[in-house]
């Protein structure tokens, strides 16, 4: 898992430096983690003199989420949002404790189709998400609360590592 964390830091820094977008999504507690991660990238990871992230949590536009859910179905709430914004070279991050959330998997598939780099954060045994995302971190726990806690620790770790790496390059 540690080698993947370093790889994800490098990917996110490269994405930021190229001015590409980072899209993050999840359901329930993972939706909160997605919002928190976008916030940390957009604020906590800032280092004076460095480019800033362009990160969006697809969980944060409730009117749009309920419109897609009502009119087309909940499975499409994130994929349809991505269709409006995604470009080759962007990063799409799906967070799903079980790895089986159909709306997350569909959005990751859209990301793959557009040439985005896709990342999955999951638990249990990884579910379908671990196979659909290009890079996956699987928390080896069958307890949803523990999995969500580790995901939150990981996003804090990633944000701090990005900030520290950026601060080092500033010197």
N, C-alpha and C. Protein backbone atom coordinates (compact mmCIF):
# COMPACT_ATOMS: atom_id res chain seq x y z
N UNK A 1 0.82 -1.20 0.00
CA UNK A 1 0.00 0.00 0.00
C UNK A 1 0.87 1.26 0.00
N UNK A 2 2.02 1.23 0.69
CA UNK A 2 2.86 2.41 0.79
C UNK A 2 3.39 2.86 -0.57
N UNK A 3 3.74 1.92 -1.44
CA UNK A 3 4.22 2.29 -2.76
C UNK A 3 3.12 2.97 -3.57
N UNK A 4 1.89 2.55 -3.39
CA UNK A 4 0.77 3.18 -4.10
C UNK A 4 0.50 4.59 -3.59
N UNK A 5 0.71 4.82 -2.29
CA UNK A 5 0.51 6.16 -1.74
C UNK A 5 1.49 7.14 -2.38
N UNK A 6 2.75 6.76 -2.47
CA UNK A 6 3.74 7.60 -3.14
C UNK A 6 3.40 7.83 -4.59
N UNK A 7 2.92 6.80 -5.27
CA UNK A 7 2.52 6.92 -6.67
C UNK A 7 1.35 7.89 -6.82
N UNK A 8 0.39 7.82 -5.91
CA UNK A 8 -0.77 8.71 -5.97
C UNK A 8 -0.36 10.15 -5.70
N UNK A 9 0.56 10.36 -4.76
CA UNK A 9 1.07 11.72 -4.52
C UNK A 9 1.67 12.26 -5.81
N UNK A 10 2.50 11.48 -6.47
CA UNK A 10 3.13 11.92 -7.72
C UNK A 10 2.09 12.22 -8.80
N UNK A 11 1.09 11.39 -8.90
CA UNK A 11 0.02 11.59 -9.89
C UNK A 11 -0.73 12.89 -9.61
N UNK A 12 -1.08 13.09 -8.35
CA UNK A 12 -1.85 14.30 -8.01
C UNK A 12 -1.02 15.56 -8.21
N UNK A 13 0.25 15.53 -7.84
CA UNK A 13 1.11 16.70 -8.04
C UNK A 13 1.25 16.99 -9.54
N UNK A 14 1.45 15.95 -10.34
CA UNK A 14 1.57 16.12 -11.78
C UNK A 14 0.27 16.68 -12.37
N UNK A 15 -0.86 16.18 -11.90
CA UNK A 15 -2.16 16.66 -12.36
C UNK A 15 -2.33 18.14 -12.03
N UNK A 16 -1.99 18.51 -10.82
CA UNK A 16 -2.04 19.91 -10.40
C UNK A 16 -1.13 20.77 -11.28
N UNK A 17 0.11 20.32 -11.46
CA UNK A 17 1.09 21.11 -12.20
C UNK A 17 0.71 21.29 -13.67
N UNK A 18 -0.04 20.36 -14.21
CA UNK A 18 -0.49 20.45 -15.61
C UNK A 18 -1.83 21.18 -15.73
N UNK A 19 -2.40 21.62 -14.59
CA UNK A 19 -3.66 22.34 -14.62
C UNK A 19 -4.86 21.47 -14.94
N UNK A 20 -4.74 20.17 -14.71
CA UNK A 20 -5.82 19.23 -14.98
C UNK A 20 -6.77 19.18 -13.78
N UNK A 21 -7.91 18.59 -13.96
CA UNK A 21 -8.95 18.49 -12.93
C UNK A 21 -8.82 17.19 -12.13
N UNK A 22 -9.27 17.25 -10.87
CA UNK A 22 -9.41 16.07 -10.02
C UNK A 22 -10.87 15.99 -9.62
N UNK A 23 -11.52 14.89 -9.93
CA UNK A 23 -12.92 14.66 -9.59
C UNK A 23 -12.98 13.54 -8.55
N UNK A 24 -13.74 13.76 -7.47
CA UNK A 24 -13.79 12.81 -6.37
C UNK A 24 -15.25 12.53 -6.03
N UNK A 25 -15.56 11.26 -5.73
CA UNK A 25 -16.94 10.91 -5.39
C UNK A 25 -17.01 9.72 -4.46
N UNK A 26 -18.14 9.62 -3.75
CA UNK A 26 -18.43 8.50 -2.86
C UNK A 26 -19.88 8.59 -2.42
N UNK A 27 -20.35 7.61 -1.70
CA UNK A 27 -21.71 7.56 -1.17
C UNK A 27 -21.66 7.52 0.36
N UNK A 28 -22.65 8.11 1.01
CA UNK A 28 -22.73 8.05 2.46
C UNK A 28 -21.51 8.65 3.12
N UNK A 29 -20.86 7.90 4.02
CA UNK A 29 -19.65 8.37 4.67
C UNK A 29 -18.55 8.66 3.66
N UNK A 30 -18.50 7.89 2.59
CA UNK A 30 -17.50 8.12 1.54
C UNK A 30 -17.77 9.41 0.77
N UNK A 31 -19.03 9.85 0.73
CA UNK A 31 -19.34 11.15 0.12
C UNK A 31 -18.73 12.26 0.96
N UNK A 32 -18.81 12.12 2.26
CA UNK A 32 -18.18 13.09 3.16
C UNK A 32 -16.67 13.09 2.97
N UNK A 33 -16.10 11.92 2.83
CA UNK A 33 -14.65 11.82 2.60
C UNK A 33 -14.28 12.47 1.28
N UNK A 34 -15.09 12.27 0.24
CA UNK A 34 -14.82 12.89 -1.06
C UNK A 34 -14.83 14.41 -0.95
N UNK A 35 -15.84 14.95 -0.26
CA UNK A 35 -15.91 16.41 -0.07
C UNK A 35 -14.71 16.91 0.72
N UNK A 36 -14.35 16.18 1.75
CA UNK A 36 -13.22 16.56 2.60
C UNK A 36 -11.91 16.54 1.79
N UNK A 37 -11.75 15.51 0.95
CA UNK A 37 -10.54 15.39 0.14
C UNK A 37 -10.43 16.56 -0.84
N UNK A 38 -11.53 16.90 -1.51
CA UNK A 38 -11.51 18.04 -2.43
C UNK A 38 -11.14 19.32 -1.68
N UNK A 39 -11.71 19.49 -0.50
CA UNK A 39 -11.40 20.67 0.31
C UNK A 39 -9.93 20.70 0.69
N UNK A 40 -9.39 19.57 1.12
CA UNK A 40 -7.98 19.51 1.50
C UNK A 40 -7.07 19.81 0.31
N UNK A 41 -7.39 19.28 -0.86
CA UNK A 41 -6.57 19.56 -2.04
C UNK A 41 -6.64 21.04 -2.41
N UNK A 42 -7.83 21.62 -2.33
CA UNK A 42 -8.03 23.01 -2.73
C UNK A 42 -7.53 24.03 -1.72
N UNK A 43 -7.35 23.63 -0.46
CA UNK A 43 -6.90 24.59 0.55
C UNK A 43 -5.66 24.11 1.30
N UNK A 44 -5.75 22.96 1.95
CA UNK A 44 -4.68 22.48 2.81
C UNK A 44 -3.38 22.23 2.04
N UNK A 45 -3.49 21.78 0.80
CA UNK A 45 -2.30 21.43 0.02
C UNK A 45 -1.62 22.64 -0.63
N UNK A 46 -2.16 23.84 -0.42
CA UNK A 46 -1.59 25.04 -1.06
C UNK A 46 -0.23 25.38 -0.45
N UNK A 47 0.69 25.66 -1.33
CA UNK A 47 2.00 26.18 -0.95
C UNK A 47 2.22 27.43 -1.79
N UNK A 48 2.57 28.52 -1.12
CA UNK A 48 2.77 29.79 -1.81
C UNK A 48 3.78 29.61 -2.95
N UNK A 49 3.41 30.13 -4.12
CA UNK A 49 4.27 30.05 -5.28
C UNK A 49 4.04 28.82 -6.14
N UNK A 50 3.28 27.86 -5.66
CA UNK A 50 2.97 26.66 -6.44
C UNK A 50 1.58 26.77 -7.04
N UNK A 51 1.36 26.05 -8.14
CA UNK A 51 0.02 26.00 -8.71
C UNK A 51 -0.95 25.44 -7.68
N UNK A 52 -2.21 25.74 -7.87
CA UNK A 52 -3.25 25.21 -7.00
C UNK A 52 -4.01 24.09 -7.70
N UNK A 53 -4.61 23.25 -6.88
CA UNK A 53 -5.43 22.17 -7.42
C UNK A 53 -6.74 22.70 -7.98
N UNK A 54 -7.26 21.97 -8.94
CA UNK A 54 -8.61 22.15 -9.45
C UNK A 54 -9.34 20.85 -9.12
N UNK A 55 -9.87 20.78 -7.90
CA UNK A 55 -10.52 19.56 -7.42
C UNK A 55 -11.99 19.83 -7.13
N UNK A 56 -12.82 18.90 -7.56
CA UNK A 56 -14.27 19.00 -7.36
C UNK A 56 -14.78 17.69 -6.79
N UNK A 57 -15.59 17.80 -5.74
CA UNK A 57 -16.29 16.62 -5.22
C UNK A 57 -17.64 16.55 -5.93
N UNK A 58 -17.85 15.50 -6.68
CA UNK A 58 -19.12 15.34 -7.41
C UNK A 58 -20.29 15.07 -6.48
N UNK A 59 -20.00 15.00 -5.19
CA UNK A 59 -21.01 14.76 -4.16
C UNK A 59 -21.65 16.05 -3.67
N UNK A 60 -21.13 17.20 -4.09
CA UNK A 60 -21.49 18.46 -3.44
C UNK A 60 -22.63 19.24 -4.09
N UNK A 61 -23.10 18.85 -5.26
CA UNK A 61 -24.17 19.58 -5.92
C UNK A 61 -25.48 18.79 -5.76
N UNK A 62 -26.13 18.99 -4.62
CA UNK A 62 -27.33 18.22 -4.29
C UNK A 62 -28.46 18.40 -5.31
N UNK A 63 -28.74 19.62 -5.80
CA UNK A 63 -29.79 19.73 -6.81
C UNK A 63 -29.50 18.90 -8.06
N UNK A 64 -28.25 18.89 -8.50
CA UNK A 64 -27.89 18.10 -9.68
C UNK A 64 -27.98 16.61 -9.41
N UNK A 65 -27.52 16.19 -8.24
CA UNK A 65 -27.59 14.78 -7.86
C UNK A 65 -29.04 14.30 -7.83
N UNK A 66 -29.92 15.09 -7.22
CA UNK A 66 -31.32 14.66 -7.13
C UNK A 66 -32.01 14.73 -8.49
N UNK A 67 -31.60 15.67 -9.35
CA UNK A 67 -32.19 15.74 -10.69
C UNK A 67 -31.84 14.49 -11.50
N UNK A 68 -30.54 14.11 -11.51
CA UNK A 68 -30.15 12.91 -12.24
C UNK A 68 -30.80 11.66 -11.63
N UNK A 69 -30.87 11.60 -10.30
CA UNK A 69 -31.47 10.44 -9.65
C UNK A 69 -32.94 10.31 -10.01
N UNK A 70 -33.65 11.42 -9.98
CA UNK A 70 -35.07 11.42 -10.27
C UNK A 70 -35.36 11.10 -11.73
N UNK A 71 -34.61 11.72 -12.62
CA UNK A 71 -34.92 11.63 -14.05
C UNK A 71 -34.30 10.42 -14.74
N UNK A 72 -33.15 9.95 -14.25
CA UNK A 72 -32.46 8.89 -14.96
C UNK A 72 -32.10 7.70 -14.06
N UNK A 73 -31.88 7.95 -12.78
CA UNK A 73 -31.53 6.88 -11.86
C UNK A 73 -30.25 7.19 -11.11
N UNK A 74 -30.16 6.69 -9.89
CA UNK A 74 -29.03 7.00 -9.02
C UNK A 74 -27.71 6.44 -9.55
N UNK A 75 -27.77 5.38 -10.34
CA UNK A 75 -26.54 4.80 -10.88
C UNK A 75 -25.77 5.78 -11.76
N UNK A 76 -26.43 6.82 -12.26
CA UNK A 76 -25.81 7.74 -13.21
C UNK A 76 -25.42 9.09 -12.62
N UNK A 77 -25.61 9.31 -11.33
CA UNK A 77 -25.41 10.66 -10.76
C UNK A 77 -24.00 11.19 -10.93
N UNK A 78 -23.00 10.34 -10.88
CA UNK A 78 -21.62 10.81 -11.01
C UNK A 78 -21.13 10.74 -12.45
N UNK A 79 -21.50 9.68 -13.16
CA UNK A 79 -21.09 9.54 -14.56
C UNK A 79 -21.61 10.69 -15.40
N UNK A 80 -22.85 11.08 -15.18
CA UNK A 80 -23.43 12.18 -15.98
C UNK A 80 -22.76 13.51 -15.65
N UNK A 81 -22.40 13.73 -14.39
CA UNK A 81 -21.68 14.95 -14.05
C UNK A 81 -20.31 14.96 -14.74
N UNK A 82 -19.63 13.83 -14.73
CA UNK A 82 -18.32 13.75 -15.38
C UNK A 82 -18.42 14.06 -16.86
N UNK A 83 -19.46 13.60 -17.50
CA UNK A 83 -19.64 13.85 -18.94
C UNK A 83 -19.59 15.35 -19.26
N UNK A 84 -19.99 16.20 -18.31
CA UNK A 84 -19.96 17.65 -18.52
C UNK A 84 -18.56 18.23 -18.45
N UNK A 85 -17.65 17.59 -17.72
CA UNK A 85 -16.37 18.21 -17.39
C UNK A 85 -15.11 17.45 -17.81
N UNK A 86 -15.18 16.15 -17.92
CA UNK A 86 -13.99 15.31 -18.01
C UNK A 86 -13.20 15.54 -19.30
N UNK A 87 -11.88 15.50 -19.15
CA UNK A 87 -10.97 15.58 -20.29
C UNK A 87 -9.85 14.58 -20.08
N UNK A 88 -9.21 14.21 -21.16
CA UNK A 88 -8.06 13.33 -21.08
C UNK A 88 -7.00 13.96 -20.17
N UNK A 89 -6.42 13.15 -19.31
CA UNK A 89 -5.39 13.64 -18.39
C UNK A 89 -5.91 14.06 -17.04
N UNK A 90 -7.22 14.14 -16.87
CA UNK A 90 -7.79 14.44 -15.57
C UNK A 90 -7.66 13.20 -14.67
N UNK A 91 -7.97 13.37 -13.40
CA UNK A 91 -7.96 12.26 -12.44
C UNK A 91 -9.36 12.10 -11.88
N UNK A 92 -9.84 10.87 -11.82
CA UNK A 92 -11.15 10.55 -11.25
C UNK A 92 -10.91 9.59 -10.08
N UNK A 93 -11.39 9.99 -8.90
CA UNK A 93 -11.19 9.19 -7.70
C UNK A 93 -12.55 8.72 -7.18
N UNK A 94 -12.71 7.41 -7.08
CA UNK A 94 -13.92 6.83 -6.52
C UNK A 94 -13.63 6.23 -5.17
N UNK A 95 -14.48 6.55 -4.19
CA UNK A 95 -14.32 6.02 -2.83
C UNK A 95 -15.56 5.18 -2.53
N UNK A 96 -15.36 3.90 -2.27
CA UNK A 96 -16.47 2.99 -1.99
C UNK A 96 -16.01 1.94 -1.00
N UNK A 97 -16.59 1.96 0.19
CA UNK A 97 -16.19 0.99 1.21
C UNK A 97 -16.27 -0.44 0.72
N UNK A 98 -17.33 -0.79 0.05
CA UNK A 98 -17.51 -2.15 -0.44
C UNK A 98 -16.84 -2.39 -1.79
N UNK A 99 -16.66 -1.32 -2.55
CA UNK A 99 -16.15 -1.46 -3.91
C UNK A 99 -17.21 -1.89 -4.90
N UNK A 100 -18.46 -1.90 -4.46
CA UNK A 100 -19.56 -2.38 -5.32
C UNK A 100 -20.58 -1.30 -5.67
N UNK A 101 -20.30 -0.06 -5.35
CA UNK A 101 -21.26 1.02 -5.64
C UNK A 101 -21.34 1.25 -7.14
N UNK A 102 -22.49 0.93 -7.72
CA UNK A 102 -22.65 0.99 -9.18
C UNK A 102 -22.41 2.40 -9.72
N UNK A 103 -22.83 3.43 -8.99
CA UNK A 103 -22.64 4.79 -9.50
C UNK A 103 -21.16 5.17 -9.53
N UNK A 104 -20.38 4.67 -8.60
CA UNK A 104 -18.94 4.92 -8.59
C UNK A 104 -18.28 4.17 -9.75
N UNK A 105 -18.64 2.92 -9.92
CA UNK A 105 -18.05 2.10 -10.98
C UNK A 105 -18.35 2.70 -12.36
N UNK A 106 -19.59 3.15 -12.57
CA UNK A 106 -19.94 3.76 -13.87
C UNK A 106 -19.13 5.02 -14.12
N UNK A 107 -18.92 5.82 -13.10
CA UNK A 107 -18.14 7.05 -13.27
C UNK A 107 -16.67 6.72 -13.55
N UNK A 108 -16.13 5.72 -12.90
CA UNK A 108 -14.75 5.31 -13.16
C UNK A 108 -14.64 4.80 -14.61
N UNK A 109 -15.62 4.09 -15.07
CA UNK A 109 -15.62 3.62 -16.47
C UNK A 109 -15.65 4.80 -17.44
N UNK A 110 -16.42 5.84 -17.12
CA UNK A 110 -16.43 7.06 -17.95
C UNK A 110 -15.04 7.69 -17.94
N UNK A 111 -14.44 7.80 -16.77
CA UNK A 111 -13.09 8.34 -16.68
C UNK A 111 -12.12 7.57 -17.55
N UNK A 112 -12.17 6.25 -17.48
CA UNK A 112 -11.30 5.41 -18.31
C UNK A 112 -11.55 5.66 -19.80
N UNK A 113 -12.81 5.77 -20.18
CA UNK A 113 -13.15 5.98 -21.59
C UNK A 113 -12.62 7.30 -22.13
N UNK A 114 -12.51 8.30 -21.26
CA UNK A 114 -12.02 9.62 -21.68
C UNK A 114 -10.50 9.77 -21.52
N UNK A 115 -9.82 8.74 -21.08
CA UNK A 115 -8.38 8.81 -20.91
C UNK A 115 -7.94 9.49 -19.64
N UNK A 116 -8.80 9.50 -18.64
CA UNK A 116 -8.44 10.02 -17.32
C UNK A 116 -7.69 8.92 -16.56
N UNK A 117 -6.94 9.31 -15.56
CA UNK A 117 -6.33 8.35 -14.66
C UNK A 117 -7.33 8.10 -13.54
N UNK A 118 -7.68 6.86 -13.31
CA UNK A 118 -8.72 6.54 -12.33
C UNK A 118 -8.12 5.85 -11.11
N UNK A 119 -8.58 6.30 -9.94
CA UNK A 119 -8.11 5.77 -8.67
C UNK A 119 -9.30 5.27 -7.86
N UNK A 120 -9.13 4.17 -7.18
CA UNK A 120 -10.18 3.63 -6.34
C UNK A 120 -9.69 3.44 -4.91
N UNK A 121 -10.50 3.88 -3.96
CA UNK A 121 -10.26 3.63 -2.53
C UNK A 121 -11.40 2.75 -2.08
N UNK A 122 -11.10 1.56 -1.60
CA UNK A 122 -12.14 0.63 -1.22
C UNK A 122 -11.73 -0.16 0.01
N UNK A 123 -12.58 -1.04 0.44
CA UNK A 123 -12.30 -1.90 1.58
C UNK A 123 -12.72 -3.31 1.25
N UNK A 124 -13.02 -4.08 2.28
CA UNK A 124 -13.43 -5.47 2.13
C UNK A 124 -12.40 -6.18 1.26
N UNK A 125 -12.81 -6.73 0.13
CA UNK A 125 -11.86 -7.38 -0.78
C UNK A 125 -11.69 -6.56 -2.06
N UNK A 126 -12.18 -5.34 -2.05
CA UNK A 126 -11.98 -4.44 -3.19
C UNK A 126 -13.16 -4.33 -4.13
N UNK A 127 -14.00 -5.36 -4.17
CA UNK A 127 -15.16 -5.33 -5.05
C UNK A 127 -14.76 -5.08 -6.50
N UNK A 128 -15.74 -4.70 -7.29
CA UNK A 128 -15.50 -4.43 -8.72
C UNK A 128 -14.63 -3.20 -8.92
N UNK A 129 -14.68 -2.26 -7.98
CA UNK A 129 -13.92 -1.02 -8.13
C UNK A 129 -12.43 -1.27 -8.26
N UNK A 130 -11.90 -2.22 -7.52
CA UNK A 130 -10.45 -2.47 -7.57
C UNK A 130 -10.01 -2.93 -8.95
N UNK A 131 -10.91 -3.54 -9.71
CA UNK A 131 -10.56 -4.01 -11.05
C UNK A 131 -10.82 -2.97 -12.12
N UNK A 132 -11.74 -2.04 -11.88
CA UNK A 132 -12.09 -1.04 -12.88
C UNK A 132 -11.14 0.16 -12.81
N UNK A 133 -10.77 0.57 -11.61
CA UNK A 133 -9.85 1.70 -11.45
C UNK A 133 -8.44 1.28 -11.86
N UNK A 134 -7.70 2.21 -12.45
CA UNK A 134 -6.33 1.89 -12.87
C UNK A 134 -5.41 1.66 -11.68
N UNK A 135 -5.63 2.38 -10.60
CA UNK A 135 -4.87 2.18 -9.36
C UNK A 135 -5.87 2.10 -8.22
N UNK A 136 -5.72 1.09 -7.38
CA UNK A 136 -6.64 0.91 -6.25
C UNK A 136 -5.89 0.71 -4.96
N UNK A 137 -6.44 1.30 -3.92
CA UNK A 137 -5.98 1.01 -2.57
C UNK A 137 -7.15 0.31 -1.87
N UNK A 138 -6.89 -0.91 -1.43
CA UNK A 138 -7.90 -1.71 -0.75
C UNK A 138 -7.53 -1.80 0.72
N UNK A 139 -8.40 -1.28 1.58
CA UNK A 139 -8.21 -1.41 3.02
C UNK A 139 -8.72 -2.81 3.39
N UNK A 140 -7.86 -3.67 3.89
CA UNK A 140 -8.25 -5.06 4.13
C UNK A 140 -9.07 -5.24 5.41
N UNK A 141 -10.27 -4.68 5.38
CA UNK A 141 -11.16 -4.79 6.53
C UNK A 141 -12.58 -5.04 6.03
N UNK A 142 -13.30 -5.86 6.76
CA UNK A 142 -14.71 -6.09 6.43
C UNK A 142 -15.63 -5.27 7.31
N UNK A 143 -15.06 -4.29 7.98
CA UNK A 143 -15.82 -3.39 8.84
C UNK A 143 -15.90 -2.02 8.16
N UNK A 144 -17.09 -1.59 7.80
CA UNK A 144 -17.26 -0.36 7.02
C UNK A 144 -16.72 0.86 7.77
N UNK A 145 -16.97 0.95 9.06
CA UNK A 145 -16.50 2.12 9.81
C UNK A 145 -14.98 2.18 9.83
N UNK A 146 -14.33 1.04 10.03
CA UNK A 146 -12.86 1.03 10.02
C UNK A 146 -12.35 1.42 8.63
N UNK A 147 -12.99 0.89 7.60
CA UNK A 147 -12.59 1.21 6.23
C UNK A 147 -12.71 2.70 5.98
N UNK A 148 -13.84 3.29 6.36
CA UNK A 148 -14.03 4.73 6.17
C UNK A 148 -13.02 5.54 6.98
N UNK A 149 -12.69 5.10 8.18
CA UNK A 149 -11.69 5.79 9.00
C UNK A 149 -10.33 5.76 8.32
N UNK A 150 -9.94 4.62 7.78
CA UNK A 150 -8.64 4.51 7.11
C UNK A 150 -8.64 5.37 5.84
N UNK A 151 -9.75 5.40 5.11
CA UNK A 151 -9.82 6.28 3.93
C UNK A 151 -9.58 7.73 4.34
N UNK A 152 -10.18 8.16 5.44
CA UNK A 152 -9.98 9.54 5.90
C UNK A 152 -8.52 9.77 6.27
N UNK A 153 -7.91 8.82 6.95
CA UNK A 153 -6.49 8.94 7.28
C UNK A 153 -5.65 9.03 6.00
N UNK A 154 -6.00 8.25 5.01
CA UNK A 154 -5.25 8.27 3.74
C UNK A 154 -5.36 9.61 3.03
N UNK A 155 -6.56 10.20 3.02
CA UNK A 155 -6.67 11.49 2.32
C UNK A 155 -5.92 12.58 3.07
N UNK A 156 -5.90 12.50 4.38
CA UNK A 156 -5.09 13.46 5.15
C UNK A 156 -3.60 13.25 4.88
N UNK A 157 -3.18 12.00 4.87
CA UNK A 157 -1.79 11.68 4.58
C UNK A 157 -1.39 12.18 3.19
N UNK A 158 -2.22 11.91 2.20
CA UNK A 158 -1.93 12.36 0.83
C UNK A 158 -1.82 13.88 0.76
N UNK A 159 -2.76 14.57 1.37
CA UNK A 159 -2.75 16.04 1.33
C UNK A 159 -1.50 16.61 2.00
N UNK A 160 -1.13 16.03 3.13
CA UNK A 160 0.07 16.51 3.83
C UNK A 160 1.34 16.18 3.06
N UNK A 161 1.39 15.00 2.46
CA UNK A 161 2.57 14.63 1.66
C UNK A 161 2.71 15.55 0.45
N UNK A 162 1.60 15.89 -0.18
CA UNK A 162 1.63 16.80 -1.32
C UNK A 162 2.14 18.16 -0.87
N UNK A 163 1.63 18.63 0.23
CA UNK A 163 2.06 19.94 0.75
C UNK A 163 3.55 19.93 1.08
N UNK A 164 4.01 18.89 1.75
CA UNK A 164 5.43 18.80 2.11
C UNK A 164 6.31 18.71 0.87
N UNK A 165 5.90 17.90 -0.11
CA UNK A 165 6.68 17.79 -1.35
C UNK A 165 6.74 19.13 -2.07
N UNK A 166 5.62 19.82 -2.12
CA UNK A 166 5.57 21.14 -2.78
C UNK A 166 6.43 22.16 -2.05
N UNK A 167 6.40 22.12 -0.72
CA UNK A 167 7.21 23.05 0.08
C UNK A 167 8.70 22.78 -0.13
N UNK A 168 9.08 21.52 -0.27
CA UNK A 168 10.48 21.16 -0.52
C UNK A 168 10.94 21.69 -1.87
N UNK A 169 10.07 21.59 -2.89
CA UNK A 169 10.46 22.04 -4.22
C UNK A 169 10.52 23.56 -4.31
N UNK A 170 9.85 24.25 -3.37
CA UNK A 170 9.84 25.71 -3.34
C UNK A 170 11.19 26.25 -2.90
N UNK A 171 11.91 25.48 -2.09
CA UNK A 171 13.18 25.95 -1.51
C UNK A 171 14.27 26.05 -2.54
